Every structure is written in structure tokens, then in C-alpha cells.
């Protein structure tokens, strides 16, 4: 095959475009691209109920644990037991003296 050494000239290239585009292609182009790349999010209604039930259960467990801890910390042991009180009364200590002793502690 023989190589030709002719210079290229823009005048020799035809001025019409050899490519064609279907009618209305660019009018719908943006919509078609958006439809193809738009994320499709599927939300199942059952999943919402499961999440809500799990959150409710968690809140209830935390509430019950907090209430239990609060109740355990607020119960106070008696300052003097009933047996000690009876022993002191039998030993001859007056009730006024016992009340004053307990209030001063």
C-alpha cells in the first residue's frame, strides 16, 4: 500500500454532520438522566414498627432500672432497731432522752 503525502485541508472536509439524533432527545434528556441516577429508597412499614418497638422497649428498660436504683438508694435503714429500743427502755433510759439522742445523730 502506497502512502500519500497530500496535505490535509479543511476545505476538503464536508461541512455537514454525519451524525443524527432522534427527535425530542434533548428535551427529555435531563429527565431520563434524573430517572436513571435517582436513588430508589424502599421503606417497609413493618420496619418502622420494629424500630419503634425496640426504642420503646429500651426506654422502658432504662426507666425501670433507674426507678429500681433510685428506690434502693432512698430506703434508709432505721436509726435504731425495735429490739435495741426495747432493751434501752428496759434498762431505764427515758423516751425523751432516746428521742433527743436520735434527733442529734
PDB file of N, CA and C in Angstrom:
ATOM      1  N   UNK A   1       0.840  -1.175   0.000  1.00  0.00           N
ATOM      2  CA  UNK A   1       0.000   0.000   0.000  1.00  0.00           C
ATOM      3  C   UNK A   1       0.889   1.244   0.000  1.00  0.00           C
ATOM      4  N   UNK A   2       0.516   2.102  -0.823  1.00  0.00           N
ATOM      5  CA  UNK A   2       1.295   3.304  -1.017  1.00  0.00           C
ATOM      6  C   UNK A   2       0.731   4.433  -0.162  1.00  0.00           C
ATOM      7  N   UNK A   3       1.614   5.158   0.495  1.00  0.00           N
ATOM      8  CA  UNK A   3       1.198   6.255   1.369  1.00  0.00           C
ATOM      9  C   UNK A   3       1.195   7.544   0.571  1.00  0.00           C
ATOM     10  N   UNK A   4       0.108   8.280   0.711  1.00  0.00           N
ATOM     11  CA  UNK A   4       0.032   9.554   0.005  1.00  0.00           C
ATOM     12  C   UNK A   4       0.508  10.673   0.912  1.00  0.00           C
ATOM     13  N   UNK A   5       1.230  11.574   0.397  1.00  0.00           N
ATOM     14  CA  UNK A   5       1.731  12.701   1.166  1.00  0.00           C
ATOM     15  C   UNK A   5       1.016  13.987   0.779  1.00  0.00           C
ATOM     16  N   UNK A   6      -0.271  13.934   0.735  1.00  0.00           N
ATOM     17  CA  UNK A   6      -1.018  15.145   0.389  1.00  0.00           C
ATOM     18  C   UNK A   6      -1.364  15.886   1.661  1.00  0.00           C
ATOM     19  N   UNK A   7      -1.221  17.155   1.674  1.00  0.00           N
ATOM     20  CA  UNK A   7      -1.574  17.916   2.870  1.00  0.00           C
ATOM     21  C   UNK A   7      -3.085  17.941   3.052  1.00  0.00           C
ATOM     22  N   UNK A   8      -3.497  17.916   4.344  1.00  0.00           N
ATOM     23  CA  UNK A   8      -4.926  17.996   4.655  1.00  0.00           C
ATOM     24  C   UNK A   8      -5.369  19.438   4.586  1.00  0.00           C
ATOM     25  N   UNK A   9      -6.547  19.588   4.118  1.00  0.00           N
ATOM     26  CA  UNK A   9      -7.097  20.921   4.026  1.00  0.00           C
ATOM     27  C   UNK A   9      -8.522  20.874   4.571  1.00  0.00           C
ATOM     28  N   UNK A  10      -8.894  21.874   5.343  1.00  0.00           N
ATOM     29  CA  UNK A  10     -10.255  21.918   5.881  1.00  0.00           C
ATOM     30  C   UNK A  10     -11.280  22.128   4.774  1.00  0.00           C
ATOM     31  N   UNK A  11     -10.858  22.615   3.666  1.00  0.00           N
ATOM     32  CA  UNK A  11     -11.780  22.842   2.561  1.00  0.00           C
ATOM     33  C   UNK A  11     -12.253  21.526   1.949  1.00  0.00           C
ATOM     34  N   UNK A  12     -11.471  20.479   2.113  1.00  0.00           N
ATOM     35  CA  UNK A  12     -11.842  19.198   1.526  1.00  0.00           C
ATOM     36  C   UNK A  12     -12.819  18.417   2.402  1.00  0.00           C
ATOM     37  N   UNK A  13     -12.969  18.794   3.681  1.00  0.00           N
ATOM     38  CA  UNK A  13     -13.866  18.085   4.601  1.00  0.00           C
ATOM     39  C   UNK A  13     -15.280  18.651   4.420  1.00  0.00           C
ATOM     40  N   UNK A  14     -16.295  17.774   4.270  1.00  0.00           N
ATOM     41  CA  UNK A  14     -17.665  18.289   4.085  1.00  0.00           C
ATOM     42  C   UNK A  14     -18.152  19.004   5.357  1.00  0.00           C
ATOM     43  N   UNK A  15     -19.017  19.991   5.196  1.00  0.00           N
ATOM     44  CA  UNK A  15     -19.462  20.817   6.302  1.00  0.00           C
ATOM     45  C   UNK A  15     -20.749  20.300   6.943  1.00  0.00           C
ATOM     46  N   UNK A  16     -21.257  19.215   6.586  1.00  0.00           N
ATOM     47  CA  UNK A  16     -22.460  18.665   7.217  1.00  0.00           C
ATOM     48  C   UNK A  16     -22.079  17.577   8.213  1.00  0.00           C
ATOM     49  N   UNK A  17     -22.898  17.456   9.256  1.00  0.00           N
ATOM     50  CA  UNK A  17     -22.623  16.498  10.315  1.00  0.00           C
ATOM     51  C   UNK A  17     -23.141  15.125   9.896  1.00  0.00           C
ATOM     52  N   UNK A  18     -22.328  14.098  10.035  1.00  0.00           N
ATOM     53  CA  UNK A  18     -22.765  12.765   9.618  1.00  0.00           C
ATOM     54  C   UNK A  18     -23.621  12.066  10.692  1.00  0.00           C
ATOM     55  N   UNK A  19     -23.752  12.669  11.855  1.00  0.00           N
ATOM     56  CA  UNK A  19     -24.492  12.032  12.954  1.00  0.00           C
ATOM     57  C   UNK A  19     -25.885  12.630  13.072  1.00  0.00           C
ATOM     58  N   UNK A  20     -26.819  11.791  13.530  1.00  0.00           N
ATOM     59  CA  UNK A  20     -28.194  12.267  13.727  1.00  0.00           C
ATOM     60  C   UNK A  20     -28.641  11.925  15.152  1.00  0.00           C
ATOM     61  N   UNK A  21     -29.590  12.690  15.649  1.00  0.00           N
ATOM     62  CA  UNK A  21     -30.134  12.499  16.989  1.00  0.00           C
ATOM     63  C   UNK A  21     -31.636  12.290  16.838  1.00  0.00           C
ATOM     64  N   UNK A  22     -32.201  11.354  17.600  1.00  0.00           N
ATOM     65  CA  UNK A  22     -33.652  11.150  17.498  1.00  0.00           C
ATOM     66  C   UNK A  22     -34.413  12.422  17.881  1.00  0.00           C
ATOM     67  N   UNK A  23     -35.585  12.576  17.311  1.00  0.00           N
ATOM     68  CA  UNK A  23     -36.395  13.766  17.583  1.00  0.00           C
ATOM     69  C   UNK A  23     -36.789  13.816  19.059  1.00  0.00           C
ATOM     70  N   UNK A  24     -36.684  14.994  19.684  1.00  0.00           N
ATOM     71  CA  UNK A  24     -37.076  15.189  21.080  1.00  0.00           C
ATOM     72  C   UNK A  24     -36.099  14.603  22.086  1.00  0.00           C
ATOM     73  N   UNK A  25     -34.925  14.211  21.639  1.00  0.00           N
ATOM     74  CA  UNK A  25     -33.960  13.567  22.539  1.00  0.00           C
ATOM     75  C   UNK A  25     -33.480  14.532  23.626  1.00  0.00           C
ATOM     76  N   UNK A  26     -33.117  15.728  23.266  1.00  0.00           N
ATOM     77  CA  UNK A  26     -32.556  16.653  24.247  1.00  0.00           C
ATOM     78  C   UNK A  26     -33.634  17.269  25.146  1.00  0.00           C
ATOM     79  N   UNK A  27     -34.901  17.260  24.692  1.00  0.00           N
ATOM     80  CA  UNK A  27     -35.968  17.769  25.550  1.00  0.00           C
ATOM     81  C   UNK A  27     -36.180  16.832  26.753  1.00  0.00           C
ATOM     82  N   UNK A  28     -36.031  15.551  26.550  1.00  0.00           N
ATOM     83  CA  UNK A  28     -36.234  14.566  27.609  1.00  0.00           C
ATOM     84  C   UNK A  28     -34.922  14.081  28.229  1.00  0.00           C
ATOM     85  N   UNK A  29     -33.815  14.613  27.787  1.00  0.00           N
ATOM     86  CA  UNK A  29     -32.505  14.138  28.240  1.00  0.00           C
ATOM     87  C   UNK A  29     -32.326  14.286  29.751  1.00  0.00           C
ATOM     88  N   UNK A  30     -32.611  15.457  30.285  1.00  0.00           N
ATOM     89  CA  UNK A  30     -32.422  15.699  31.719  1.00  0.00           C
ATOM     90  C   UNK A  30     -33.330  14.803  32.560  1.00  0.00           C
ATOM     91  N   UNK A  31     -34.574  14.636  32.122  1.00  0.00           N
ATOM     92  CA  UNK A  31     -35.499  13.773  32.860  1.00  0.00           C
ATOM     93  C   UNK A  31     -35.047  12.318  32.835  1.00  0.00           C
ATOM     94  N   UNK A  32     -34.555  11.875  31.704  1.00  0.00           N
ATOM     95  CA  UNK A  32     -34.073  10.494  31.607  1.00  0.00           C
ATOM     96  C   UNK A  32     -32.861  10.252  32.510  1.00  0.00           C
ATOM     97  N   UNK A  33     -31.943  11.194  32.552  1.00  0.00           N
ATOM     98  CA  UNK A  33     -30.758  11.050  33.400  1.00  0.00           C
ATOM     99  C   UNK A  33     -31.168  11.050  34.871  1.00  0.00           C
ATOM    100  N   UNK A  34     -32.055  11.966  35.265  1.00  0.00           N
ATOM    101  CA  UNK A  34     -32.521  12.012  36.659  1.00  0.00           C
ATOM    102  C   UNK A  34     -33.203  10.708  37.062  1.00  0.00           C
ATOM    103  N   UNK A  35     -33.988  10.158  36.168  1.00  0.00           N
ATOM    104  CA  UNK A  35     -34.682   8.905  36.482  1.00  0.00           C
ATOM    105  C   UNK A  35     -33.704   7.752  36.637  1.00  0.00           C
ATOM    106  N   UNK A  36     -32.621   7.785  35.894  1.00  0.00           N
ATOM    107  CA  UNK A  36     -31.652   6.696  35.968  1.00  0.00           C
ATOM    108  C   UNK A  36     -30.753   6.782  37.191  1.00  0.00           C
ATOM    109  N   UNK A  37     -30.428   7.990  37.656  1.00  0.00           N
ATOM    110  CA  UNK A  37     -29.500   8.111  38.776  1.00  0.00           C
ATOM    111  C   UNK A  37     -30.185   8.395  40.107  1.00  0.00           C
ATOM    112  N   UNK A  38     -31.481   8.645  40.121  1.00  0.00           N
ATOM    113  CA  UNK A  38     -32.182   8.935  41.376  1.00  0.00           C
ATOM    114  C   UNK A  38     -32.152   7.703  42.275  1.00  0.00           C
ATOM    115  N   UNK A  39     -31.787   7.894  43.541  1.00  0.00           N
ATOM    116  CA  UNK A  39     -31.762   6.740  44.459  1.00  0.00           C
ATOM    117  C   UNK A  39     -33.178   6.255  44.728  1.00  0.00           C
ATOM    118  N   UNK A  40     -33.309   4.970  44.703  1.00  0.00           N
ATOM    119  CA  UNK A  40     -34.610   4.375  44.972  1.00  0.00           C
ATOM    120  C   UNK A  40     -34.618   3.890  46.407  1.00  0.00           C
ATOM    121  N   UNK A  41     -35.426   4.541  47.215  1.00  0.00           N
ATOM    122  CA  UNK A  41     -35.477   4.214  48.639  1.00  0.00           C
ATOM    123  C   UNK A  41     -36.743   3.418  48.905  1.00  0.00           C
ATOM    124  N   UNK A  42     -36.544   2.257  49.435  1.00  0.00           N
ATOM    125  CA  UNK A  42     -37.677   1.395  49.759  1.00  0.00           C
ATOM    126  C   UNK A  42     -37.815   1.356  51.276  1.00  0.00           C
ATOM    127  N   UNK A  43     -38.926   1.845  51.772  1.00  0.00           N
ATOM    128  CA  UNK A  43     -39.191   1.835  53.206  1.00  0.00           C
ATOM    129  C   UNK A  43     -40.352   0.884  53.445  1.00  0.00           C
ATOM    130  N   UNK A  44     -40.075  -0.102  54.203  1.00  0.00           N
ATOM    131  CA  UNK A  44     -41.126  -1.065  54.524  1.00  0.00           C
ATOM    132  C   UNK A  44     -41.807  -0.620  55.805  1.00  0.00           C
ATOM    133  N   UNK A  45     -43.133  -0.554  55.830  1.00  0.00           N
ATOM    134  CA  UNK A  45     -43.839  -0.094  57.025  1.00  0.00           C
ATOM    135  C   UNK A  45     -43.564  -0.974  58.239  1.00  0.00           C
ATOM    136  N   UNK A  46     -43.303  -2.241  58.043  1.00  0.00           N
ATOM    137  CA  UNK A  46     -43.044  -3.142  59.163  1.00  0.00           C
ATOM    138  C   UNK A  46     -41.757  -2.757  59.882  1.00  0.00           C
ATOM    139  N   UNK A  47     -40.765  -2.311  59.134  1.00  0.00           N
ATOM    140  CA  UNK A  47     -39.502  -1.908  59.753  1.00  0.00           C
ATOM    141  C   UNK A  47     -39.694  -0.733  60.705  1.00  0.00           C
ATOM    142  N   UNK A  48     -40.573   0.192  60.361  1.00  0.00           N
ATOM    143  CA  UNK A  48     -40.829   1.333  61.246  1.00  0.00           C
ATOM    144  C   UNK A  48     -41.397   0.859  62.572  1.00  0.00           C
ATOM    145  N   UNK A  49     -42.304  -0.101  62.531  1.00  0.00           N
ATOM    146  CA  UNK A  49     -42.900  -0.622  63.763  1.00  0.00           C
ATOM    147  C   UNK A  49     -41.859  -1.359  64.600  1.00  0.00           C
ATOM    148  N   UNK A  50     -40.989  -2.082  63.947  1.00  0.00           N
ATOM    149  CA  UNK A  50     -39.948  -2.813  64.686  1.00  0.00           C
ATOM    150  C   UNK A  50     -39.011  -1.819  65.369  1.00  0.00           C
ATOM    151  N   UNK A  51     -38.612  -0.768  64.651  1.00  0.00           N
ATOM    152  CA  UNK A  51     -37.741   0.242  65.252  1.00  0.00           C
ATOM    153  C   UNK A  51     -38.438   0.942  66.414  1.00  0.00           C
ATOM    154  N   UNK A  52     -39.710   1.277  66.241  1.00  0.00           N
ATOM    155  CA  UNK A  52     -40.451   1.946  67.307  1.00  0.00           C
ATOM    156  C   UNK A  52     -40.585   1.038  68.528  1.00  0.00           C
ATOM    157  N   UNK A  53     -40.855  -0.234  68.317  1.00  0.00           N
ATOM    158  CA  UNK A  53     -40.986  -1.173  69.434  1.00  0.00           C
ATOM    159  C   UNK A  53     -39.646  -1.351  70.147  1.00  0.00           C
ATOM    160  N   UNK A  54     -38.565  -1.406  69.399  1.00  0.00           N
ATOM    161  CA  UNK A  54     -37.245  -1.553  70.016  1.00  0.00           C
ATOM    162  C   UNK A  54     -36.898  -0.317  70.845  1.00  0.00           C
ATOM    163  N   UNK A  55     -37.195   0.864  70.341  1.00  0.00           N
ATOM    164  CA  UNK A  55     -36.924   2.088  71.094  1.00  0.00           C
ATOM    165  C   UNK A  55     -37.789   2.153  72.354  1.00  0.00           C
ATOM    166  N   UNK A  56     -39.049   1.798  72.233  1.00  0.00           N
ATOM    167  CA  UNK A  56     -39.946   1.807  73.394  1.00  0.00           C
ATOM    168  C   UNK A  56     -39.445   0.836  74.457  1.00  0.00           C
ATOM    169  N   UNK A  57     -39.036  -0.354  74.030  1.00  0.00           N
ATOM    170  CA  UNK A  57     -38.522  -1.351  74.968  1.00  0.00           C
ATOM    171  C   UNK A  57     -37.264  -0.837  75.663  1.00  0.00           C
ATOM    172  N   UNK A  58     -36.369  -0.223  74.913  1.00  0.00           N
ATOM    173  CA  UNK A  58     -35.153   0.328  75.504  1.00  0.00           C
ATOM    174  C   UNK A  58     -35.449   1.415  76.528  1.00  0.00           C
ATOM    175  N   UNK A  59     -36.375   2.295  76.199  1.00  0.00           N
ATOM    176  CA  UNK A  59     -36.744   3.364  77.134  1.00  0.00           C
ATOM    177  C   UNK A  59     -37.367   2.770  78.394  1.00  0.00           C
ATOM    178  N   UNK A  60     -38.209   1.771  78.239  1.00  0.00           N
ATOM    179  CA  UNK A  60     -38.840   1.142  79.403  1.00  0.00           C
ATOM    180  C   UNK A  60     -37.798   0.451  80.289  1.00  0.00           C
ATOM    181  N   UNK A  61     -36.860  -0.250  79.699  1.00  0.00           N
ATOM    182  CA  UNK A  61     -35.825  -0.936  80.480  1.00  0.00           C
ATOM    183  C   UNK A  61     -34.981   0.077  81.246  1.00  0.00           C
ATOM    184  N   UNK A  62     -34.586   1.157  80.577  1.00  0.00           N
ATOM    185  CA  UNK A  62     -33.796   2.190  81.256  1.00  0.00           C
ATOM    186  C   UNK A  62     -34.617   2.830  82.374  1.00  0.00           C
ATOM    187  N   UNK A  63     -35.897   3.074  82.126  1.00  0.00           N
ATOM    188  CA  UNK A  63     -36.759   3.661  83.150  1.00  0.00           C
ATOM    189  C   UNK A  63     -36.922   2.759  84.354  1.00  0.00           C
ATOM    190  N   UNK A  64     -37.153   1.480  84.127  1.00  0.00           N
ATOM    191  CA  UNK A  64     -37.325   0.540  85.234  1.00  0.00           C
ATOM    192  C   UNK A  64     -36.030   0.411  86.037  1.00  0.00           C
ATOM    193  N   UNK A  65     -34.901   0.337  85.338  1.00  0.00           N
ATOM    194  CA  UNK A  65     -33.625   0.231  86.043  1.00  0.00           C
ATOM    195  C   UNK A  65     -33.349   1.492  86.866  1.00  0.00           C
ATOM    196  N   UNK A  66     -33.635   2.655  86.301  1.00  0.00           N
ATOM    197  CA  UNK A  66     -33.417   3.907  87.032  1.00  0.00           C
ATOM    198  C   UNK A  66     -34.309   3.984  88.259  1.00  0.00           C
ATOM    199  N   UNK A  67     -35.573   3.601  88.112  1.00  0.00           N
ATOM    200  CA  UNK A  67     -36.504   3.626  89.244  1.00  0.00           C
ATOM    201  C   UNK A  67     -36.050   2.669  90.341  1.00  0.00           C
ATOM    202  N   UNK A  68     -35.623   1.473  89.945  1.00  0.00           N
ATOM    203  CA  UNK A  68     -35.163   0.484  90.924  1.00  0.00           C
ATOM    204  C   UNK A  68     -33.937   0.985  91.677  1.00  0.00           C
ATOM    205  N   UNK A  69     -32.973   1.556  90.962  1.00  0.00           N
ATOM    206  CA  UNK A  69     -31.779   2.087  91.611  1.00  0.00           C
ATOM    207  C   UNK A  69     -32.127   3.246  92.533  1.00  0.00           C
ATOM    208  N   UNK A  70     -33.054   4.096  92.102  1.00  0.00           N
ATOM    209  CA  UNK A  70     -33.464   5.224  92.926  1.00  0.00           C
ATOM    210  C   UNK A  70     -34.126   4.739  94.206  1.00  0.00           C
ATOM    211  N   UNK A  71     -35.019   3.755  94.084  1.00  0.00           N
ATOM    212  CA  UNK A  71     -35.712   3.228  95.253  1.00  0.00           C
ATOM    213  C   UNK A  71     -34.736   2.552  96.218  1.00  0.00           C
ATOM    214  N   UNK A  72     -33.770   1.811  95.685  1.00  0.00           N
ATOM    215  CA  UNK A  72     -32.789   1.138  96.545  1.00  0.00           C
ATOM    216  C   UNK A  72     -31.909   2.134  97.287  1.00  0.00           C
ATOM    217  N   UNK A  73     -31.618   3.250  96.663  1.00  0.00           N
ATOM    218  CA  UNK A  73     -30.752   4.238  97.302  1.00  0.00           C
ATOM    219  C   UNK A  73     -31.501   5.120  98.293  1.00  0.00           C
ATOM    220  N   UNK A  74     -32.824   5.235  98.173  1.00  0.00           N
ATOM    221  CA  UNK A  74     -33.565   6.130  99.062  1.00  0.00           C
ATOM    222  C   UNK A  74     -34.097   5.427 100.299  1.00  0.00           C
ATOM    223  N   UNK A  75     -34.148   4.104 100.291  1.00  0.00           N
ATOM    224  CA  UNK A  75     -34.625   3.418 101.501  1.00  0.00           C
ATOM    225  C   UNK A  75     -33.524   3.481 102.544  1.00  0.00           C
ATOM    226  N   UNK A  76     -33.888   3.948 103.717  1.00  0.00           N
ATOM    227  CA  UNK A  76     -32.904   4.104 104.777  1.00  0.00           C
ATOM    228  C   UNK A  76     -33.105   3.025 105.824  1.00  0.00           C
ATOM    229  N   UNK A  77     -32.010   2.600 106.369  1.00  0.00           N
ATOM    230  CA  UNK A  77     -32.076   1.654 107.474  1.00  0.00           C
ATOM    231  C   UNK A  77     -32.553   2.424 108.706  1.00  0.00           C
ATOM    232  N   UNK A  78     -33.323   1.797 109.544  1.00  0.00           N
ATOM    233  CA  UNK A  78     -33.793   2.508 110.739  1.00  0.00           C
ATOM    234  C   UNK A  78     -32.608   2.915 111.608  1.00  0.00           C
ATOM    235  N   UNK A  79     -32.770   4.063 112.266  1.00  0.00           N
ATOM    236  CA  UNK A  79     -31.695   4.557 113.117  1.00  0.00           C
ATOM    237  C   UNK A  79     -31.479   3.649 114.326  1.00  0.00           C
ATOM    238  N   UNK A  80     -32.556   3.075 114.791  1.00  0.00           N
ATOM    239  CA  UNK A  80     -32.463   2.180 115.937  1.00  0.00           C
ATOM    240  C   UNK A  80     -33.482   1.063 115.728  1.00  0.00           C
ATOM    241  N   UNK A  81     -33.080  -0.171 115.955  1.00  0.00           N
ATOM    242  CA  UNK A  81     -33.992  -1.292 115.738  1.00  0.00           C
ATOM    243  C   UNK A  81     -34.958  -1.405 116.917  1.00  0.00           C
ATOM    244  N   UNK A  82     -36.004  -2.130 116.687  1.00  0.00           N
ATOM    245  CA  UNK A  82     -37.028  -2.292 117.725  1.00  0.00           C
ATOM    246  C   UNK A  82     -36.470  -3.022 118.950  1.00  0.00           C
ATOM    247  N   UNK A  83     -35.611  -4.018 118.725  1.00  0.00           N
ATOM    248  CA  UNK A  83     -35.007  -4.745 119.848  1.00  0.00           C
ATOM    249  C   UNK A  83     -34.114  -3.834 120.684  1.00  0.00           C
ATOM    250  N   UNK A  84     -33.317  -2.992 120.011  1.00  0.00           N
ATOM    251  CA  UNK A  84     -32.464  -2.060 120.749  1.00  0.00           C
ATOM    252  C   UNK A  84     -33.311  -1.075 121.558  1.00  0.00           C
ATOM    253  N   UNK A  85     -34.403  -0.627 120.961  1.00  0.00           N
ATOM    254  CA  UNK A  85     -35.293   0.309 121.650  1.00  0.00           C
ATOM    255  C   UNK A  85     -35.865  -0.335 122.915  1.00  0.00           C
ATOM    256  N   UNK A  86     -36.332  -1.582 122.777  1.00  0.00           N
ATOM    257  CA  UNK A  86     -36.892  -2.290 123.934  1.00  0.00           C
ATOM    258  C   UNK A  86     -35.832  -2.488 125.019  1.00  0.00           C
ATOM    259  N   UNK A  87     -34.618  -2.812 124.629  1.00  0.00           N
ATOM    260  CA  UNK A  87     -33.537  -3.003 125.610  1.00  0.00           C
ATOM    261  C   UNK A  87     -33.226  -1.705 126.356  1.00  0.00           C
ATOM    262  N   UNK A  88     -33.214  -0.604 125.621  1.00  0.00           N
ATOM    263  CA  UNK A  88     -32.927   0.673 126.274  1.00  0.00           C
ATOM    264  C   UNK A  88     -34.047   1.080 127.236  1.00  0.00           C
ATOM    265  N   UNK A  89     -35.285   0.843 126.831  1.00  0.00           N
ATOM    266  CA  UNK A  89     -36.419   1.173 127.703  1.00  0.00           C
ATOM    267  C   UNK A  89     -36.361   0.305 128.960  1.00  0.00           C
ATOM    268  N   UNK A  90     -36.066  -0.980 128.790  1.00  0.00           N
ATOM    269  CA  UNK A  90     -35.990  -1.889 129.927  1.00  0.00           C
ATOM    270  C   UNK A  90     -34.797  -1.558 130.843  1.00  0.00           C
ATOM    271  N   UNK A  91     -33.782  -0.929 130.273  1.00  0.00           N
ATOM    272  CA  UNK A  91     -32.618  -0.573 131.072  1.00  0.00           C
ATOM    273  C   UNK A  91     -32.858   0.701 131.881  1.00  0.00           C
ATOM    274  N   UNK A  92     -33.967   1.360 131.667  1.00  0.00           N
ATOM    275  CA  UNK A  92     -34.307   2.530 132.455  1.00  0.00           C
ATOM    276  C   UNK A  92     -33.986   3.846 131.790  1.00  0.00           C
ATOM    277  N   UNK A  93     -33.702   3.863 130.477  1.00  0.00           N
ATOM    278  CA  UNK A  93     -33.445   5.111 129.762  1.00  0.00           C
ATOM    279  C   UNK A  93     -34.797   5.696 129.368  1.00  0.00           C
ATOM    280  N   UNK A  94     -34.991   6.983 129.629  1.00  0.00           N
ATOM    281  CA  UNK A  94     -36.286   7.599 129.327  1.00  0.00           C
ATOM    282  C   UNK A  94     -36.450   7.808 127.825  1.00  0.00           C
ATOM    283  N   UNK A  95     -37.713   7.858 127.404  1.00  0.00           N
ATOM    284  CA  UNK A  95     -38.002   8.051 125.974  1.00  0.00           C
ATOM    285  C   UNK A  95     -37.553   9.418 125.518  1.00  0.00           C
ATOM    286  N   UNK A  96     -37.667  10.426 126.360  1.00  0.00           N
ATOM    287  CA  UNK A  96     -37.233  11.771 125.982  1.00  0.00           C
ATOM    288  C   UNK A  96     -35.739  11.790 125.672  1.00  0.00           C
ATOM    289  N   UNK A  97     -34.974  11.084 126.475  1.00  0.00           N
ATOM    290  CA  UNK A  97     -33.533  11.010 126.255  1.00  0.00           C
ATOM    291  C   UNK A  97     -33.220  10.272 124.953  1.00  0.00           C
ATOM    292  N   UNK A  98     -33.978   9.209 124.649  1.00  0.00           N
ATOM    293  CA  UNK A  98     -33.788   8.472 123.388  1.00  0.00           C
ATOM    294  C   UNK A  98     -34.133   9.346 122.177  1.00  0.00           C
ATOM    295  N   UNK A  99     -35.230  10.054 122.249  1.00  0.00           N
ATOM    296  CA  UNK A  99     -35.645  10.916 121.134  1.00  0.00           C
ATOM    297  C   UNK A  99     -34.593  11.995 120.900  1.00  0.00           C
ATOM    298  N   UNK A 100     -34.097  12.600 121.970  1.00  0.00           N
ATOM    299  CA  UNK A 100     -33.072  13.609 121.836  1.00  0.00           C
ATOM    300  C   UNK A 100     -31.806  13.036 121.235  1.00  0.00           C
ATOM    301  N   UNK A 101     -31.429  11.830 121.622  1.00  0.00           N
ATOM    302  CA  UNK A 101     -30.233  11.173 121.096  1.00  0.00           C
ATOM    303  C   UNK A 101     -30.403  10.903 119.601  1.00  0.00           C
ATOM    304  N   UNK A 102     -31.583  10.396 119.202  1.00  0.00           N
ATOM    305  CA  UNK A 102     -31.831  10.065 117.797  1.00  0.00           C
ATOM    306  C   UNK A 102     -31.864  11.326 116.951  1.00  0.00           C
ATOM    307  N   UNK A 103     -32.469  12.397 117.438  1.00  0.00           N
ATOM    308  CA  UNK A 103     -32.541  13.636 116.667  1.00  0.00           C
ATOM    309  C   UNK A 103     -31.182  14.302 116.524  1.00  0.00           C
ATOM    310  N   UNK A 104     -30.314  14.118 117.441  1.00  0.00           N
ATOM    311  CA  UNK A 104     -28.984  14.738 117.383  1.00  0.00           C
ATOM    312  C   UNK A 104     -28.021  13.977 116.488  1.00  0.00           C
ATOM    313  N   UNK A 105     -28.328  12.761 116.119  1.00  0.00           N
ATOM    314  CA  UNK A 105     -27.421  11.986 115.256  1.00  0.00           C
ATOM    315  C   UNK A 105     -27.444  12.445 113.870  1.00  0.00           C
TER     316      UNK A 105
END
